[in-house]
Amino acid sequence: MSATVILDADFLSAFLKIERLPLLLAFYQVERLYVPPAVYREVAVTTLLPSLLAFSSIRVESPTPERLQSVANHDAFGKLGAGEQEAIALALDHPDAILLSNDRQVRRLATGCGVTVINLPAFLLACKLAGMLDHAAMADITAALQAKDHYGFRQDLLELLLG
């Protein structure tokens, strides 16, 4: 059984901007990527809407109301946005979930709840180690993320990815 791959708005928008969502499907060997409704709404109000609509492997799924309420009522989650809360709640609804998020607080809180969370550099490194991205492809992706998403790689991580 494959994992349920859930994207937060930051991860989704970054990969839409660089037109690399198929890499997520290939790496995790899944047919669908899941986003909660609030994440979909966040991205849908941007210029990325046409790209989002064109990518048929995105599925919008709501977390159970009980799970969302338990997350929303927890003090530590109160500072998170609706999309982040829904993404964590949705991940908690799926025992096999992998949540893709670049937000440090989301990663800390979700990990504390037992959710597997992967950030962008970790995902790219995993792709490199799996032999899915050679040096040229990694250089293209990191440059595109820096230019189109204004993603700031730490120098040591950039050297690790490109080395």
Foldseek 3Di string as FASTA:
>chain_A
DFFAEEEFLLVVVLCLQLVNPVVVCVVRVHQAHEFEPVSCVVCCVDPSVVSVVPPVRYDYDFAPPVLLVVLCPDPLNVVPDPRLSRRLSNQVSGLRYEYEDQDPSSCVVSVVVVHHYDYDLRVLLSCVVVVNADLVRLVSSVVSSCVRVVDDDDPVSSVSNND
